[in-house]
N, C-alpha and C. Protein backbone atom coordinates (compact mmCIF):
# COMPACT_ATOMS: atom_id res chain seq x y z
N UNK A 1 -37.06 28.40 15.46
CA UNK A 1 -36.66 28.27 16.85
C UNK A 1 -37.54 27.23 17.53
N UNK A 2 -36.97 26.50 18.44
CA UNK A 2 -37.71 25.45 19.14
C UNK A 2 -38.45 26.03 20.34
N UNK A 3 -39.64 25.46 20.60
CA UNK A 3 -40.33 25.83 21.82
C UNK A 3 -39.77 24.99 22.97
N UNK A 4 -40.24 25.22 24.18
CA UNK A 4 -39.68 24.54 25.36
C UNK A 4 -39.85 23.04 25.30
N UNK A 5 -41.00 22.57 24.83
CA UNK A 5 -41.26 21.13 24.75
C UNK A 5 -40.32 20.46 23.75
N UNK A 6 -40.12 21.07 22.59
CA UNK A 6 -39.22 20.52 21.58
C UNK A 6 -37.78 20.50 22.10
N UNK A 7 -37.39 21.57 22.78
CA UNK A 7 -36.03 21.64 23.34
C UNK A 7 -35.83 20.55 24.39
N UNK A 8 -36.82 20.34 25.23
CA UNK A 8 -36.75 19.31 26.27
C UNK A 8 -36.64 17.91 25.64
N UNK A 9 -37.47 17.65 24.64
CA UNK A 9 -37.44 16.34 23.98
C UNK A 9 -36.12 16.10 23.25
N UNK A 10 -35.60 17.12 22.61
CA UNK A 10 -34.31 16.99 21.91
C UNK A 10 -33.19 16.74 22.91
N UNK A 11 -33.22 17.44 24.03
CA UNK A 11 -32.21 17.23 25.07
C UNK A 11 -32.27 15.80 25.61
N UNK A 12 -33.47 15.29 25.85
CA UNK A 12 -33.61 13.91 26.32
C UNK A 12 -33.07 12.92 25.31
N UNK A 13 -33.35 13.17 24.04
CA UNK A 13 -32.86 12.30 22.96
C UNK A 13 -31.33 12.30 22.93
N UNK A 14 -30.72 13.47 23.03
CA UNK A 14 -29.27 13.55 23.00
C UNK A 14 -28.64 12.92 24.24
N UNK A 15 -29.28 13.07 25.41
CA UNK A 15 -28.79 12.38 26.61
C UNK A 15 -28.80 10.87 26.39
N UNK A 16 -29.91 10.35 25.87
CA UNK A 16 -30.01 8.92 25.61
C UNK A 16 -29.00 8.46 24.58
N UNK A 17 -28.82 9.24 23.54
CA UNK A 17 -27.85 8.89 22.50
C UNK A 17 -26.43 8.87 23.06
N UNK A 18 -26.11 9.80 23.94
CA UNK A 18 -24.77 9.80 24.53
C UNK A 18 -24.55 8.56 25.40
N UNK A 19 -25.59 8.13 26.11
CA UNK A 19 -25.47 6.91 26.92
C UNK A 19 -25.28 5.68 26.04
N UNK A 20 -25.98 5.63 24.93
CA UNK A 20 -25.87 4.49 24.01
C UNK A 20 -24.48 4.43 23.39
N UNK A 21 -23.98 5.56 22.91
CA UNK A 21 -22.65 5.60 22.30
C UNK A 21 -21.59 5.18 23.31
N UNK A 22 -21.68 5.70 24.52
CA UNK A 22 -20.71 5.35 25.55
C UNK A 22 -20.78 3.87 25.90
N UNK A 23 -21.99 3.34 26.06
CA UNK A 23 -22.16 1.93 26.40
C UNK A 23 -21.61 1.02 25.31
N UNK A 24 -21.94 1.29 24.06
CA UNK A 24 -21.44 0.46 22.97
C UNK A 24 -19.92 0.54 22.87
N UNK A 25 -19.34 1.69 23.12
CA UNK A 25 -17.89 1.83 23.07
C UNK A 25 -17.23 0.97 24.14
N UNK A 26 -17.74 1.03 25.34
CA UNK A 26 -17.17 0.25 26.44
C UNK A 26 -17.40 -1.24 26.22
N UNK A 27 -18.62 -1.62 25.84
CA UNK A 27 -18.93 -3.04 25.63
C UNK A 27 -18.13 -3.61 24.46
N UNK A 28 -18.00 -2.86 23.39
CA UNK A 28 -17.25 -3.35 22.23
C UNK A 28 -15.79 -3.62 22.59
N UNK A 29 -15.22 -2.76 23.39
CA UNK A 29 -13.84 -2.97 23.81
C UNK A 29 -13.73 -4.07 24.86
N UNK A 30 -14.74 -4.27 25.66
CA UNK A 30 -14.70 -5.32 26.69
C UNK A 30 -14.80 -6.71 26.09
N UNK A 31 -15.60 -6.88 25.05
CA UNK A 31 -15.79 -8.21 24.47
C UNK A 31 -14.82 -8.52 23.33
N UNK A 32 -14.13 -7.52 22.83
CA UNK A 32 -13.20 -7.79 21.73
C UNK A 32 -11.93 -8.43 22.30
N UNK A 33 -11.19 -9.04 21.41
CA UNK A 33 -9.97 -9.72 21.83
C UNK A 33 -8.84 -8.75 22.15
N UNK A 34 -8.90 -7.58 21.55
CA UNK A 34 -7.87 -6.59 21.87
C UNK A 34 -8.52 -5.22 22.06
N UNK A 35 -7.96 -4.47 22.96
CA UNK A 35 -8.46 -3.14 23.25
C UNK A 35 -8.03 -2.18 22.15
N UNK A 36 -8.99 -1.44 21.62
CA UNK A 36 -8.69 -0.44 20.58
C UNK A 36 -8.89 0.94 21.18
N UNK A 37 -7.78 1.56 21.47
CA UNK A 37 -7.81 2.88 22.10
C UNK A 37 -8.47 3.92 21.21
N UNK A 38 -8.25 3.82 19.89
CA UNK A 38 -8.83 4.82 18.99
C UNK A 38 -10.36 4.76 19.00
N UNK A 39 -10.91 3.55 19.01
CA UNK A 39 -12.36 3.40 19.07
C UNK A 39 -12.89 3.89 20.41
N UNK A 40 -12.18 3.56 21.47
CA UNK A 40 -12.60 3.99 22.80
C UNK A 40 -12.62 5.51 22.91
N UNK A 41 -11.55 6.18 22.49
CA UNK A 41 -11.49 7.63 22.61
C UNK A 41 -12.45 8.34 21.67
N UNK A 42 -12.66 7.77 20.49
CA UNK A 42 -13.64 8.34 19.57
C UNK A 42 -15.05 8.24 20.16
N UNK A 43 -15.39 7.10 20.70
CA UNK A 43 -16.69 6.92 21.33
C UNK A 43 -16.88 7.80 22.55
N UNK A 44 -15.84 7.89 23.36
CA UNK A 44 -15.90 8.74 24.55
C UNK A 44 -16.07 10.20 24.17
N UNK A 45 -15.35 10.63 23.14
CA UNK A 45 -15.47 12.02 22.67
C UNK A 45 -16.86 12.30 22.11
N UNK A 46 -17.39 11.36 21.33
CA UNK A 46 -18.73 11.54 20.76
C UNK A 46 -19.78 11.59 21.87
N UNK A 47 -19.64 10.72 22.87
CA UNK A 47 -20.59 10.71 23.99
C UNK A 47 -20.52 12.03 24.76
N UNK A 48 -19.31 12.53 24.99
CA UNK A 48 -19.14 13.79 25.71
C UNK A 48 -19.74 14.96 24.92
N UNK A 49 -19.54 14.96 23.61
CA UNK A 49 -20.09 16.02 22.77
C UNK A 49 -21.62 15.99 22.79
N UNK A 50 -22.20 14.81 22.66
CA UNK A 50 -23.66 14.68 22.69
C UNK A 50 -24.21 15.11 24.06
N UNK A 51 -23.52 14.72 25.12
CA UNK A 51 -23.95 15.12 26.46
C UNK A 51 -23.89 16.63 26.62
N UNK A 52 -22.82 17.24 26.14
CA UNK A 52 -22.67 18.70 26.26
C UNK A 52 -23.77 19.43 25.48
N UNK A 53 -24.07 18.94 24.28
CA UNK A 53 -25.15 19.55 23.50
C UNK A 53 -26.49 19.43 24.22
N UNK A 54 -26.74 18.25 24.78
CA UNK A 54 -27.99 18.04 25.52
C UNK A 54 -28.06 18.97 26.73
N UNK A 55 -26.95 19.11 27.42
CA UNK A 55 -26.91 19.98 28.59
C UNK A 55 -27.19 21.43 28.21
N UNK A 56 -26.59 21.87 27.13
CA UNK A 56 -26.81 23.25 26.69
C UNK A 56 -28.26 23.48 26.28
N UNK A 57 -28.84 22.51 25.57
CA UNK A 57 -30.25 22.63 25.19
C UNK A 57 -31.17 22.63 26.41
N UNK A 58 -30.86 21.73 27.34
CA UNK A 58 -31.69 21.61 28.54
C UNK A 58 -31.59 22.87 29.40
N UNK A 59 -30.40 23.40 29.50
CA UNK A 59 -30.19 24.60 30.28
C UNK A 59 -30.79 25.83 29.62
N UNK A 60 -30.82 25.83 28.29
CA UNK A 60 -31.35 26.98 27.56
C UNK A 60 -32.84 27.19 27.77
N UNK A 61 -33.56 26.13 28.13
CA UNK A 61 -34.99 26.25 28.32
C UNK A 61 -35.38 26.73 29.70
N UNK A 62 -34.44 26.68 30.64
CA UNK A 62 -34.72 27.09 32.01
C UNK A 62 -34.50 28.59 32.16
N UNK A 63 -35.40 29.22 32.90
CA UNK A 63 -35.28 30.66 33.09
C UNK A 63 -35.14 30.99 34.55
């Protein structure tokens, strides 16, 4: 089981990872010659999942 510090650091990492995935998905579609909906939705889904995991971890440490 993780202690509070480990949980906090993991949550921060997942928040950052969700921002990176979302940014790369948007930027990749913005600079490409054609919009790829499948890549966009996959990236958006992955970012949302990472954000949700981070939120749950972050919330789990608060009492």
